[in-house]
PDB file of N, CA and C in Angstrom:
ATOM      1  N   MET A   1      -9.635 -29.748  16.497  1.00  0.00           N
ATOM      2  CA  MET A   1      -8.974 -28.713  16.234  1.00  0.00           C
ATOM      3  C   MET A   1      -9.623 -27.335  16.151  1.00  0.00           C
ATOM      4  N   HIS A   2      -9.032 -26.130  17.308  1.00  0.00           N
ATOM      5  CA  HIS A   2      -9.351 -24.853  17.084  1.00  0.00           C
ATOM      6  C   HIS A   2      -9.054 -24.096  16.133  1.00  0.00           C
ATOM      7  N   GLN A   3     -10.121 -23.444  15.306  1.00  0.00           N
ATOM      8  CA  GLN A   3      -9.248 -22.332  13.893  1.00  0.00           C
ATOM      9  C   GLN A   3      -9.502 -21.169  14.617  1.00  0.00           C
ATOM     10  N   CYS A   4      -8.276 -20.412  14.327  1.00  0.00           N
ATOM     11  CA  CYS A   4      -8.246 -18.927  14.538  1.00  0.00           C
ATOM     12  C   CYS A   4      -8.493 -18.281  13.367  1.00  0.00           C
ATOM     13  N   HIS A   5      -9.926 -17.164  13.804  1.00  0.00           N
ATOM     14  CA  HIS A   5     -10.296 -16.183  12.518  1.00  0.00           C
ATOM     15  C   HIS A   5      -9.429 -15.316  12.564  1.00  0.00           C
ATOM     16  N   ARG A   6      -8.653 -14.577  12.124  1.00  0.00           N
ATOM     17  CA  ARG A   6      -7.775 -13.249  11.919  1.00  0.00           C
ATOM     18  C   ARG A   6      -8.302 -12.193  11.069  1.00  0.00           C
ATOM     19  N   HIS A   7      -8.549 -11.023  11.850  1.00  0.00           N
ATOM     20  CA  HIS A   7      -8.970 -10.050  10.615  1.00  0.00           C
ATOM     21  C   HIS A   7      -7.857  -9.432  10.036  1.00  0.00           C
ATOM     22  N   ASP A   8      -8.115  -9.597   8.679  1.00  0.00           N
ATOM     23  CA  ASP A   8      -7.080  -9.049   7.639  1.00  0.00           C
ATOM     24  C   ASP A   8      -7.156  -7.876   7.477  1.00  0.00           C
ATOM     25  N   VAL A   9      -6.026  -6.862   8.016  1.00  0.00           N
ATOM     26  CA  VAL A   9      -5.781  -5.349   8.087  1.00  0.00           C
ATOM     27  C   VAL A   9      -5.666  -4.914   6.580  1.00  0.00           C
ATOM     28  N   ASN A  10      -5.642  -5.521   5.941  1.00  0.00           N
ATOM     29  CA  ASN A  10      -5.568  -4.920   4.371  1.00  0.00           C
ATOM     30  C   ASN A  10      -7.114  -5.124   3.475  1.00  0.00           C
ATOM     31  N   ARG A  11      -8.006  -5.707   4.327  1.00  0.00           N
ATOM     32  CA  ARG A  11      -9.240  -5.944   3.640  1.00  0.00           C
ATOM     33  C   ARG A  11      -9.701  -4.439   3.741  1.00  0.00           C
ATOM     34  N   HIS A  12     -10.518  -4.141   2.759  1.00  0.00           N
ATOM     35  CA  HIS A  12     -11.577  -2.631   2.680  1.00  0.00           C
ATOM     36  C   HIS A  12     -12.807  -2.786   3.291  1.00  0.00           C
ATOM     37  N   ASP A  13     -13.272  -1.741   4.240  1.00  0.00           N
ATOM     38  CA  ASP A  13     -15.124  -2.007   4.170  1.00  0.00           C
ATOM     39  C   ASP A  13     -15.742  -0.984   3.278  1.00  0.00           C
ATOM     40  N   ALA A  14     -16.527  -0.740   3.476  1.00  0.00           N
ATOM     41  CA  ALA A  14     -17.464   0.145   2.842  1.00  0.00           C
ATOM     42  C   ALA A  14     -17.049   1.648   2.664  1.00  0.00           C
ATOM     43  N   SER A  15     -16.563   2.002   4.025  1.00  0.00           N
ATOM     44  CA  SER A  15     -16.067   3.507   3.977  1.00  0.00           C
ATOM     45  C   SER A  15     -14.752   3.780   3.284  1.00  0.00           C
ATOM     46  N   ILE A  16     -14.284   2.613   2.638  1.00  0.00           N
ATOM     47  CA  ILE A  16     -13.140   3.283   1.465  1.00  0.00           C
ATOM     48  C   ILE A  16     -13.545   3.185   0.063  1.00  0.00           C
ATOM     49  N   ALA A  17     -13.081   4.350  -0.693  1.00  0.00           N
ATOM     50  CA  ALA A  17     -13.564   4.552  -1.967  1.00  0.00           C
ATOM     51  C   ALA A  17     -12.580   5.199  -2.615  1.00  0.00           C
ATOM     52  N   SER A  18     -12.478   4.608  -4.231  1.00  0.00           N
ATOM     53  CA  SER A  18     -11.304   5.596  -5.206  1.00  0.00           C
ATOM     54  C   SER A  18     -12.241   6.175  -6.100  1.00  0.00           C
ATOM     55  N   PHE A  19     -11.459   7.345  -6.283  1.00  0.00           N
ATOM     56  CA  PHE A  19     -12.424   8.154  -7.547  1.00  0.00           C
ATOM     57  C   PHE A  19     -11.048   8.700  -8.226  1.00  0.00           C
ATOM     58  N   CYS A  20     -11.233   9.196  -9.287  1.00  0.00           N
ATOM     59  CA  CYS A  20     -10.665  10.074  -9.995  1.00  0.00           C
ATOM     60  C   CYS A  20     -11.406  11.212 -10.686  1.00  0.00           C
ATOM     61  N   LEU A  21     -10.749  12.915 -10.484  1.00  0.00           N
ATOM     62  CA  LEU A  21     -11.024  13.900 -10.748  1.00  0.00           C
ATOM     63  C   LEU A  21     -10.250  14.171 -12.197  1.00  0.00           C
ATOM     64  N   THR A  22     -10.906  14.869 -12.861  1.00  0.00           N
ATOM     65  CA  THR A  22     -10.374  15.263 -14.301  1.00  0.00           C
ATOM     66  C   THR A  22     -10.375  16.852 -14.365  1.00  0.00           C
ATOM     67  N   CYS A  23      -9.533  17.252 -15.113  1.00  0.00           N
ATOM     68  CA  CYS A  23      -9.651  18.927 -15.132  1.00  0.00           C
ATOM     69  C   CYS A  23      -9.219  18.773 -16.779  1.00  0.00           C
ATOM     70  N   ASP A  24     -10.005  19.582 -17.503  1.00  0.00           N
ATOM     71  CA  ASP A  24     -10.065  19.884 -18.931  1.00  0.00           C
ATOM     72  C   ASP A  24      -8.900  20.928 -18.989  1.00  0.00           C
ATOM     73  N   GLN A  25      -8.908  21.965 -18.202  1.00  0.00           N
ATOM     74  CA  GLN A  25      -8.145  23.170 -18.542  1.00  0.00           C
ATOM     75  C   GLN A  25      -6.841  23.182 -17.706  1.00  0.00           C
ATOM     76  N   PRO A  26      -5.690  23.408 -18.238  1.00  0.00           N
ATOM     77  CA  PRO A  26      -4.610  23.764 -17.202  1.00  0.00           C
ATOM     78  C   PRO A  26      -4.515  23.997 -15.997  1.00  0.00           C
ATOM     79  N   ILE A  27      -3.695  23.437 -14.800  1.00  0.00           N
ATOM     80  CA  ILE A  27      -3.950  23.831 -13.533  1.00  0.00           C
ATOM     81  C   ILE A  27      -2.980  24.740 -13.071  1.00  0.00           C
ATOM     82  N   HIS A  28      -3.613  25.581 -12.253  1.00  0.00           N
ATOM     83  CA  HIS A  28      -2.650  26.884 -11.844  1.00  0.00           C
ATOM     84  C   HIS A  28      -1.906  25.809 -10.253  1.00  0.00           C
ATOM     85  N   TRP A  29      -0.438  25.882 -10.955  1.00  0.00           N
ATOM     86  CA  TRP A  29       0.234  25.104  -9.880  1.00  0.00           C
ATOM     87  C   TRP A  29       0.165  25.983  -8.342  1.00  0.00           C
ATOM     88  N   THR A  30       0.262  26.925  -8.090  1.00  0.00           N
ATOM     89  CA  THR A  30       0.187  27.677  -6.670  1.00  0.00           C
ATOM     90  C   THR A  30      -1.471  27.247  -6.352  1.00  0.00           C
ATOM     91  N   ALA A  31      -2.307  27.569  -6.821  1.00  0.00           N
ATOM     92  CA  ALA A  31      -3.389  27.131  -6.316  1.00  0.00           C
ATOM     93  C   ALA A  31      -3.580  25.274  -6.116  1.00  0.00           C
ATOM     94  N   LEU A  32      -3.121  24.659  -6.928  1.00  0.00           N
ATOM     95  CA  LEU A  32      -3.306  23.398  -6.599  1.00  0.00           C
ATOM     96  C   LEU A  32      -2.223  23.092  -5.369  1.00  0.00           C
ATOM     97  N   GLY A  33      -1.475  23.640  -5.050  1.00  0.00           N
ATOM     98  CA  GLY A  33      -0.388  23.183  -4.004  1.00  0.00           C
ATOM     99  C   GLY A  33      -1.248  23.924  -2.843  1.00  0.00           C
ATOM    100  N   ILE A  34      -1.840  24.869  -2.791  1.00  0.00           N
ATOM    101  CA  ILE A  34      -2.254  25.504  -1.545  1.00  0.00           C
ATOM    102  C   ILE A  34      -3.731  24.300  -1.328  1.00  0.00           C
ATOM    103  N   TRP A  35      -4.085  24.498  -2.267  1.00  0.00           N
ATOM    104  CA  TRP A  35      -5.691  23.215  -2.251  1.00  0.00           C
ATOM    105  C   TRP A  35      -5.283  21.903  -1.511  1.00  0.00           C
ATOM    106  N   LEU A  36      -4.169  21.177  -2.421  1.00  0.00           N
ATOM    107  CA  LEU A  36      -3.613  19.899  -1.347  1.00  0.00           C
ATOM    108  C   LEU A  36      -3.455  19.936  -0.074  1.00  0.00           C
ATOM    109  N   SER A  37      -2.257  20.888  -0.130  1.00  0.00           N
ATOM    110  CA  SER A  37      -1.802  20.920   1.175  1.00  0.00           C
ATOM    111  C   SER A  37      -2.692  21.268   2.497  1.00  0.00           C
ATOM    112  N   LEU A  38      -3.708  22.396   2.186  1.00  0.00           N
ATOM    113  CA  LEU A  38      -5.117  22.297   3.211  1.00  0.00           C
ATOM    114  C   LEU A  38      -5.882  20.992   3.257  1.00  0.00           C
ATOM    115  N   LEU A  39      -6.021  20.436   1.944  1.00  0.00           N
ATOM    116  CA  LEU A  39      -6.827  19.131   2.207  1.00  0.00           C
ATOM    117  C   LEU A  39      -6.179  18.055   3.315  1.00  0.00           C
ATOM    118  N   LEU A  40      -5.027  17.929   2.815  1.00  0.00           N
ATOM    119  CA  LEU A  40      -4.211  17.232   3.432  1.00  0.00           C
ATOM    120  C   LEU A  40      -3.877  17.083   5.201  1.00  0.00           C
ATOM    121  N   TYR A  41      -3.922  18.573   5.225  1.00  0.00           N
ATOM    122  CA  TYR A  41      -3.962  18.979   6.096  1.00  0.00           C
ATOM    123  C   TYR A  41      -5.213  18.832   7.267  1.00  0.00           C
ATOM    124  N   ALA A  42      -6.138  19.116   6.777  1.00  0.00           N
ATOM    125  CA  ALA A  42      -7.283  18.710   7.343  1.00  0.00           C
ATOM    126  C   ALA A  42      -7.734  17.336   7.274  1.00  0.00           C
ATOM    127  N   ARG A  43      -7.644  16.491   6.260  1.00  0.00           N
ATOM    128  CA  ARG A  43      -8.410  15.354   6.072  1.00  0.00           C
ATOM    129  C   ARG A  43      -7.143  14.405   6.048  1.00  0.00           C
ATOM    130  N   GLY A  44      -6.111  14.281   5.831  1.00  0.00           N
ATOM    131  CA  GLY A  44      -4.784  13.631   5.752  1.00  0.00           C
ATOM    132  C   GLY A  44      -5.167  12.449   6.082  1.00  0.00           C
ATOM    133  N   ASP A  45      -5.742  12.221   7.332  1.00  0.00           N
ATOM    134  CA  ASP A  45      -5.796  10.867   8.033  1.00  0.00           C
ATOM    135  C   ASP A  45      -6.886   9.903   6.960  1.00  0.00           C
ATOM    136  N   ASP A  46      -7.692  10.400   6.533  1.00  0.00           N
ATOM    137  CA  ASP A  46      -8.705   9.789   5.702  1.00  0.00           C
ATOM    138  C   ASP A  46      -8.322   9.377   4.029  1.00  0.00           C
ATOM    139  N   ILE A  47      -6.909  10.493   3.625  1.00  0.00           N
ATOM    140  CA  ILE A  47      -6.799  10.082   2.565  1.00  0.00           C
ATOM    141  C   ILE A  47      -5.850   8.949   2.268  1.00  0.00           C
ATOM    142  N   LEU A  48      -5.984   8.242   2.074  1.00  0.00           N
ATOM    143  CA  LEU A  48      -5.274   7.023   2.114  1.00  0.00           C
ATOM    144  C   LEU A  48      -4.076   7.085   1.043  1.00  0.00           C
ATOM    145  N   ARG A  49      -4.523   7.398   0.129  1.00  0.00           N
ATOM    146  CA  ARG A  49      -3.827   7.467  -1.440  1.00  0.00           C
ATOM    147  C   ARG A  49      -3.988   8.611  -2.264  1.00  0.00           C
ATOM    148  N   VAL A  50      -2.881   9.534  -3.076  1.00  0.00           N
ATOM    149  CA  VAL A  50      -3.328  10.510  -4.036  1.00  0.00           C
ATOM    150  C   VAL A  50      -2.069  10.320  -5.182  1.00  0.00           C
ATOM    151  N   LYS A  51      -2.423  10.321  -6.009  1.00  0.00           N
ATOM    152  CA  LYS A  51      -1.723  10.253  -7.178  1.00  0.00           C
ATOM    153  C   LYS A  51      -2.455  11.131  -8.210  1.00  0.00           C
ATOM    154  N   GLY A  52      -1.653  11.608  -9.425  1.00  0.00           N
ATOM    155  CA  GLY A  52      -1.773  12.397 -10.335  1.00  0.00           C
ATOM    156  C   GLY A  52      -0.721  12.634 -11.395  1.00  0.00           C
ATOM    157  N   ILE A  53      -1.513  12.928 -12.588  1.00  0.00           N
ATOM    158  CA  ILE A  53      -0.510  13.596 -13.751  1.00  0.00           C
ATOM    159  C   ILE A  53      -1.369  14.714 -14.353  1.00  0.00           C
ATOM    160  N   LEU A  54      -0.491  15.935 -14.183  1.00  0.00           N
ATOM    161  CA  LEU A  54      -1.285  17.073 -14.059  1.00  0.00           C
ATOM    162  C   LEU A  54      -0.883  18.016 -15.708  1.00  0.00           C
ATOM    163  N   ASN A  55      -1.447  18.646 -15.896  1.00  0.00           N
ATOM    164  CA  ASN A  55      -1.289  19.479 -16.896  1.00  0.00           C
ATOM    165  C   ASN A  55      -1.387  20.908 -16.531  1.00  0.00           C
ATOM    166  N   VAL A  56      -0.043  21.611 -16.306  1.00  0.00           N
ATOM    167  CA  VAL A  56       0.103  22.593 -15.487  1.00  0.00           C
ATOM    168  C   VAL A  56       0.282  23.706 -16.321  1.00  0.00           C
ATOM    169  N   ALA A  57      -0.261  24.861 -16.106  1.00  0.00           N
ATOM    170  CA  ALA A  57      -0.270  26.169 -16.649  1.00  0.00           C
ATOM    171  C   ALA A  57       1.488  26.695 -16.884  1.00  0.00           C
ATOM    172  N   GLY A  58       1.511  26.600 -17.999  1.00  0.00           N
ATOM    173  CA  GLY A  58       2.769  27.319 -18.561  1.00  0.00           C
ATOM    174  C   GLY A  58       4.080  26.113 -18.329  1.00  0.00           C
ATOM    175  N   ALA A  59       3.848  24.915 -18.378  1.00  0.00           N
ATOM    176  CA  ALA A  59       4.433  23.750 -18.244  1.00  0.00           C
ATOM    177  C   ALA A  59       4.203  22.787 -19.561  1.00  0.00           C
ATOM    178  N   SER A  60       5.460  22.385 -20.605  1.00  0.00           N
ATOM    179  CA  SER A  60       5.162  21.805 -21.643  1.00  0.00           C
ATOM    180  C   SER A  60       5.109  20.253 -21.467  1.00  0.00           C
ATOM    181  N   THR A  61       5.312  19.956 -20.117  1.00  0.00           N
ATOM    182  CA  THR A  61       5.393  18.685 -19.888  1.00  0.00           C
ATOM    183  C   THR A  61       4.634  18.252 -18.661  1.00  0.00           C
ATOM    184  N   PRO A  62       3.890  17.209 -18.466  1.00  0.00           N
ATOM    185  CA  PRO A  62       3.109  16.799 -17.281  1.00  0.00           C
ATOM    186  C   PRO A  62       3.908  16.665 -16.062  1.00  0.00           C
ATOM    187  N   VAL A  63       3.169  17.046 -15.069  1.00  0.00           N
ATOM    188  CA  VAL A  63       3.896  16.696 -13.558  1.00  0.00           C
ATOM    189  C   VAL A  63       3.095  15.803 -13.281  1.00  0.00           C
ATOM    190  N   VAL A  64       3.819  14.869 -12.218  1.00  0.00           N
ATOM    191  CA  VAL A  64       3.323  13.777 -11.305  1.00  0.00           C
ATOM    192  C   VAL A  64       3.427  14.217 -10.217  1.00  0.00           C
ATOM    193  N   ILE A  65       2.412  13.689  -9.449  1.00  0.00           N
ATOM    194  CA  ILE A  65       2.183  13.960  -7.959  1.00  0.00           C
ATOM    195  C   ILE A  65       1.718  12.454  -7.235  1.00  0.00           C
ATOM    196  N   HIS A  66       2.057  12.749  -5.796  1.00  0.00           N
ATOM    197  CA  HIS A  66       1.687  11.491  -5.192  1.00  0.00           C
ATOM    198  C   HIS A  66       2.103  11.410  -3.996  1.00  0.00           C
ATOM    199  N   GLY A  67       0.999  11.233  -2.847  1.00  0.00           N
ATOM    200  CA  GLY A  67       1.250  11.109  -1.693  1.00  0.00           C
ATOM    201  C   GLY A  67       0.187  10.173  -0.954  1.00  0.00           C
ATOM    202  N   VAL A  68       0.431   9.816   0.004  1.00  0.00           N
ATOM    203  CA  VAL A  68      -0.018   9.110   1.114  1.00  0.00           C
ATOM    204  C   VAL A  68      -0.069   9.769   2.523  1.00  0.00           C
ATOM    205  N   GLN A  69      -1.716  10.014   3.287  1.00  0.00           N
ATOM    206  CA  GLN A  69      -2.244  10.577   4.078  1.00  0.00           C
ATOM    207  C   GLN A  69      -1.685  11.964   4.321  1.00  0.00           C
ATOM    208  N   HIS A  70      -0.725  12.595   5.396  1.00  0.00           N
ATOM    209  CA  HIS A  70      -0.058  13.818   5.450  1.00  0.00           C
ATOM    210  C   HIS A  70       1.219  13.694   4.916  1.00  0.00           C
ATOM    211  N   LEU A  71       1.616  12.623   4.124  1.00  0.00           N
ATOM    212  CA  LEU A  71       2.717  13.146   3.269  1.00  0.00           C
ATOM    213  C   LEU A  71       2.648  13.176   1.993  1.00  0.00           C
ATOM    214  N   VAL A  72       3.281  14.049   1.227  1.00  0.00           N
ATOM    215  CA  VAL A  72       3.460  14.189  -0.447  1.00  0.00           C
ATOM    216  C   VAL A  72       5.063  14.506  -0.469  1.00  0.00           C
ATOM    217  N   HIS A  73       5.163  13.404  -1.248  1.00  0.00           N
ATOM    218  CA  HIS A  73       6.549  13.366  -2.103  1.00  0.00           C
ATOM    219  C   HIS A  73       6.543  14.670  -2.886  1.00  0.00           C
ATOM    220  N   PRO A  74       7.583  15.061  -3.618  1.00  0.00           N
ATOM    221  CA  PRO A  74       8.246  15.611  -4.166  1.00  0.00           C
ATOM    222  C   PRO A  74       7.309  15.753  -5.674  1.00  0.00           C
ATOM    223  N   PRO A  75       7.158  16.657  -6.433  1.00  0.00           N
ATOM    224  CA  PRO A  75       6.464  16.436  -7.910  1.00  0.00           C
ATOM    225  C   PRO A  75       7.895  15.871  -8.803  1.00  0.00           C
ATOM    226  N   SER A  76       7.404  15.248  -9.635  1.00  0.00           N
ATOM    227  CA  SER A  76       8.071  15.039 -10.523  1.00  0.00           C
ATOM    228  C   SER A  76       7.749  15.476 -12.094  1.00  0.00           C
ATOM    229  N   HIS A  77       8.677  15.575 -13.110  1.00  0.00           N
ATOM    230  CA  HIS A  77       8.375  16.149 -14.596  1.00  0.00           C
ATOM    231  C   HIS A  77       8.361  14.860 -15.553  1.00  0.00           C
ATOM    232  N   LEU A  78       7.423  14.605 -16.021  1.00  0.00           N
ATOM    233  CA  LEU A  78       7.695  13.549 -16.884  1.00  0.00           C
ATOM    234  C   LEU A  78       8.567  14.133 -18.324  1.00  0.00           C
ATOM    235  N   PRO A  79       8.947  13.561 -19.263  1.00  0.00           N
ATOM    236  CA  PRO A  79       9.485  13.981 -20.510  1.00  0.00           C
ATOM    237  C   PRO A  79       8.471  14.288 -21.484  1.00  0.00           C
ATOM    238  N   ARG A  80       7.328  13.588 -21.531  1.00  0.00           N
ATOM    239  CA  ARG A  80       6.721  13.952 -22.466  1.00  0.00           C
ATOM    240  C   ARG A  80       5.205  13.313 -21.947  1.00  0.00           C
ATOM    241  N   TRP A  81       4.078  13.733 -22.623  1.00  0.00           N
ATOM    242  CA  TRP A  81       2.201  13.013 -22.069  1.00  0.00           C
ATOM    243  C   TRP A  81       2.569  11.465 -22.586  1.00  0.00           C
ATOM    244  N   PRO A  82       1.963  10.617 -21.850  1.00  0.00           N
ATOM    245  CA  PRO A  82       2.107   9.072 -22.598  1.00  0.00           C
ATOM    246  C   PRO A  82       1.141   9.189 -23.715  1.00  0.00           C
ATOM    247  N   ASP A  83       0.289   9.987 -23.851  1.00  0.00           N
ATOM    248  CA  ASP A  83      -0.954   9.947 -24.834  1.00  0.00           C
ATOM    249  C   ASP A  83      -1.551  11.346 -25.145  1.00  0.00           C
ATOM    250  N   ALA A  84      -2.059  11.253 -26.277  1.00  0.00           N
ATOM    251  CA  ALA A  84      -2.779  12.738 -26.658  1.00  0.00           C
ATOM    252  C   ALA A  84      -3.410  13.174 -25.492  1.00  0.00           C
ATOM    253  N   ASP A  85      -4.200  12.557 -24.638  1.00  0.00           N
ATOM    254  CA  ASP A  85      -5.013  13.038 -23.545  1.00  0.00           C
ATOM    255  C   ASP A  85      -4.227  14.343 -22.763  1.00  0.00           C
ATOM    256  N   ARG A  86      -4.181  15.076 -22.592  1.00  0.00           N
ATOM    257  CA  ARG A  86      -3.794  16.305 -21.653  1.00  0.00           C
ATOM    258  C   ARG A  86      -4.432  16.337 -20.437  1.00  0.00           C
ATOM    259  N   ARG A  87      -5.648  15.941 -20.302  1.00  0.00           N
ATOM    260  CA  ARG A  87      -6.248  16.705 -18.856  1.00  0.00           C
ATOM    261  C   ARG A  87      -5.540  15.771 -18.084  1.00  0.00           C
ATOM    262  N   SER A  88      -5.726  16.855 -16.605  1.00  0.00           N
ATOM    263  CA  SER A  88      -5.033  16.324 -15.584  1.00  0.00           C
ATOM    264  C   SER A  88      -6.132  15.388 -15.114  1.00  0.00           C
ATOM    265  N   ARG A  89      -5.382  14.330 -14.504  1.00  0.00           N
ATOM    266  CA  ARG A  89      -5.997  13.223 -13.679  1.00  0.00           C
ATOM    267  C   ARG A  89      -5.324  12.948 -12.402  1.00  0.00           C
ATOM    268  N   ILE A  90      -6.376  13.343 -11.050  1.00  0.00           N
ATOM    269  CA  ILE A  90      -6.118  12.693  -9.803  1.00  0.00           C
ATOM    270  C   ILE A  90      -6.694  11.780  -9.046  1.00  0.00           C
ATOM    271  N   VAL A  91      -6.271  10.852  -8.953  1.00  0.00           N
ATOM    272  CA  VAL A  91      -6.788   9.422  -8.091  1.00  0.00           C
ATOM    273  C   VAL A  91      -6.681   9.790  -6.870  1.00  0.00           C
ATOM    274  N   PHE A  92      -7.556   9.510  -5.872  1.00  0.00           N
ATOM    275  CA  PHE A  92      -7.588   9.448  -4.486  1.00  0.00           C
ATOM    276  C   PHE A  92      -8.142   8.000  -3.977  1.00  0.00           C
ATOM    277  N   ILE A  93      -7.865   7.749  -3.133  1.00  0.00           N
ATOM    278  CA  ILE A  93      -8.246   6.761  -2.380  1.00  0.00           C
ATOM    279  C   ILE A  93      -8.605   7.226  -0.954  1.00  0.00           C
ATOM    280  N   THR A  94      -9.844   7.066  -0.498  1.00  0.00           N
ATOM    281  CA  THR A  94     -10.071   8.050   0.570  1.00  0.00           C
ATOM    282  C   THR A  94     -10.589   6.873   1.503  1.00  0.00           C
ATOM    283  N   ARG A  95     -11.247   7.323   2.866  1.00  0.00           N
ATOM    284  CA  ARG A  95     -11.530   6.915   3.616  1.00  0.00           C
ATOM    285  C   ARG A  95     -12.862   7.500   4.438  1.00  0.00           C
ATOM    286  N   GLY A  96     -14.279   7.437   3.940  1.00  0.00           N
ATOM    287  CA  GLY A  96     -15.354   8.342   4.623  1.00  0.00           C
ATOM    288  C   GLY A  96     -15.261   9.370   4.209  1.00  0.00           C
ATOM    289  N   LEU A  97     -15.065   9.834   2.976  1.00  0.00           N
ATOM    290  CA  LEU A  97     -14.997  11.323   2.403  1.00  0.00           C
ATOM    291  C   LEU A  97     -15.805  11.265   1.507  1.00  0.00           C
ATOM    292  N   ASP A  98     -16.439  12.574   0.733  1.00  0.00           N
ATOM    293  CA  ASP A  98     -17.524  12.471  -0.115  1.00  0.00           C
ATOM    294  C   ASP A  98     -16.591  13.208  -1.115  1.00  0.00           C
ATOM    295  N   ARG A  99     -16.500  12.285  -2.436  1.00  0.00           N
ATOM    296  CA  ARG A  99     -15.889  13.016  -3.589  1.00  0.00           C
ATOM    297  C   ARG A  99     -16.756  14.428  -3.955  1.00  0.00           C
ATOM    298  N   ALA A 100     -17.863  14.490  -3.962  1.00  0.00           N
ATOM    299  CA  ALA A 100     -18.393  15.689  -4.576  1.00  0.00           C
ATOM    300  C   ALA A 100     -17.909  17.034  -3.400  1.00  0.00           C
ATOM    301  N   ARG A 101     -17.361  16.680  -2.169  1.00  0.00           N
ATOM    302  CA  ARG A 101     -16.798  17.905  -1.441  1.00  0.00           C
ATOM    303  C   ARG A 101     -15.577  18.020  -1.951  1.00  0.00           C
ATOM    304  N   ILE A 102     -14.853  16.999  -2.076  1.00  0.00           N
ATOM    305  CA  ILE A 102     -13.477  17.154  -2.589  1.00  0.00           C
ATOM    306  C   ILE A 102     -13.257  17.708  -4.193  1.00  0.00           C
ATOM    307  N   GLU A 103     -14.087  17.727  -4.810  1.00  0.00           N
ATOM    308  CA  GLU A 103     -14.272  17.981  -6.464  1.00  0.00           C
ATOM    309  C   GLU A 103     -14.937  19.446  -6.322  1.00  0.00           C
ATOM    310  N   ALA A 104     -15.751  19.669  -5.371  1.00  0.00           N
ATOM    311  CA  ALA A 104     -15.982  21.076  -5.176  1.00  0.00           C
ATOM    312  C   ALA A 104     -14.886  22.027  -4.868  1.00  0.00           C
ATOM    313  N   SER A 105     -14.081  21.811  -3.597  1.00  0.00           N
ATOM    314  CA  SER A 105     -13.064  22.222  -3.194  1.00  0.00           C
ATOM    315  C   SER A 105     -11.734  22.436  -4.279  1.00  0.00           C
ATOM    316  N   LEU A 106     -12.144  21.561  -5.157  1.00  0.00           N
ATOM    317  CA  LEU A 106     -10.680  21.819  -6.272  1.00  0.00           C
ATOM    318  C   LEU A 106     -10.994  22.565  -7.174  1.00  0.00           C
ATOM    319  N   ALA A 107     -12.491  22.727  -7.472  1.00  0.00           N
ATOM    320  CA  ALA A 107     -13.036  23.958  -8.588  1.00  0.00           C
ATOM    321  C   ALA A 107     -12.691  24.772  -8.001  1.00  0.00           C
ATOM    322  N   ALA A 108     -12.842  25.187  -6.631  1.00  0.00           N
ATOM    323  CA  ALA A 108     -12.958  26.614  -5.919  1.00  0.00           C
ATOM    324  C   ALA A 108     -11.483  27.180  -6.115  1.00  0.00           C
ATOM    325  N   PHE A 109     -10.378  26.547  -5.527  1.00  0.00           N
ATOM    326  CA  PHE A 109      -9.188  26.721  -5.674  1.00  0.00           C
ATOM    327  C   PHE A 109      -8.737  26.971  -7.600  1.00  0.00           C
ATOM    328  N   SER A 110      -9.205  26.394  -8.051  1.00  0.00           N
ATOM    329  CA  SER A 110      -8.666  26.151  -9.473  1.00  0.00           C
ATOM    330  C   SER A 110      -9.028  27.529 -10.215  1.00  0.00           C
ATOM    331  N   ARG A 111     -11.031  27.988  -9.391  1.00  0.00           N
ATOM    332  CA  ARG A 111     -10.821  29.262 -10.266  1.00  0.00           C
ATOM    333  C   ARG A 111     -10.080  30.250  -9.416  1.00  0.00           C
ATOM    334  N   LEU A 112      -9.825  30.312  -8.133  1.00  0.00           N
ATOM    335  CA  LEU A 112      -9.047  31.145  -7.616  1.00  0.00           C
ATOM    336  C   LEU A 112      -7.678  31.733  -8.486  1.00  0.00           C
ATOM    337  N   GLY A 113      -7.147  30.447  -8.924  1.00  0.00           N
ATOM    338  CA  GLY A 113      -5.850  30.174  -9.563  1.00  0.00           C
ATOM    339  C   GLY A 113      -5.863  30.712 -10.828  1.00  0.00           C
ATOM    340  N   THR A 114      -6.818  30.679 -11.628  1.00  0.00           N
ATOM    341  CA  THR A 114      -7.529  31.190 -12.950  1.00  0.00           C
ATOM    342  C   THR A 114      -7.554  32.755 -12.865  1.00  0.00           C
ATOM    343  N   ALA A 115      -8.151  33.239 -11.948  1.00  0.00           N
ATOM    344  CA  ALA A 115      -8.387  34.708 -11.563  1.00  0.00           C
ATOM    345  C   ALA A 115      -7.203  35.682 -11.207  1.00  0.00           C
ATOM    346  N   ALA A 116      -6.097  34.652 -10.107  1.00  0.00           N
ATOM    347  CA  ALA A 116      -4.851  35.207  -9.870  1.00  0.00           C
ATOM    348  C   ALA A 116      -4.075  35.069 -11.054  1.00  0.00           C
ATOM    349  N   ALA A 117      -4.068  34.282 -12.126  1.00  0.00           N
ATOM    350  CA  ALA A 117      -2.934  34.514 -12.927  1.00  0.00           C
ATOM    351  C   ALA A 117      -3.578  35.551 -13.814  1.00  0.00           C
ATOM    352  N   ALA A 118      -4.600  36.065 -13.929  1.00  0.00           N
ATOM    353  CA  ALA A 118      -4.824  37.407 -14.777  1.00  0.00           C
ATOM    354  C   ALA A 118      -4.760  38.651 -14.406  1.00  0.00           C
ATOM    355  N   ILE A 119      -4.259  38.337 -13.073  1.00  0.00           N
ATOM    356  CA  ILE A 119      -4.032  39.661 -12.561  1.00  0.00           C
ATOM    357  C   ILE A 119      -2.533  40.248 -13.147  1.00  0.00           C
TER     358      ILE A 119
END
């Protein structure tokens, strides 16, 4: 009897990684939107999933984001925080992308948002 070995397309290899970025301070919504748009435009094929709960400056409740590759769904607002932790958390599942580079780019855009809000 001949057995067929099939490749399971749902299996992950070493190039797939997941990580969570956290931000202690409220996020400037416009800066985040520009950052995420540019990131997905440039590397969307390698961002398999992004989701997050955000503490947006000026918002009293959390904002939820989620997307797959180049597609980002409209954000939604939760009626309240699930617990006392008000940090923003963004989870990524990526292919071949360096966490440190994504984290550095988010930090740079966060600084721009903070500077713009001060004007």
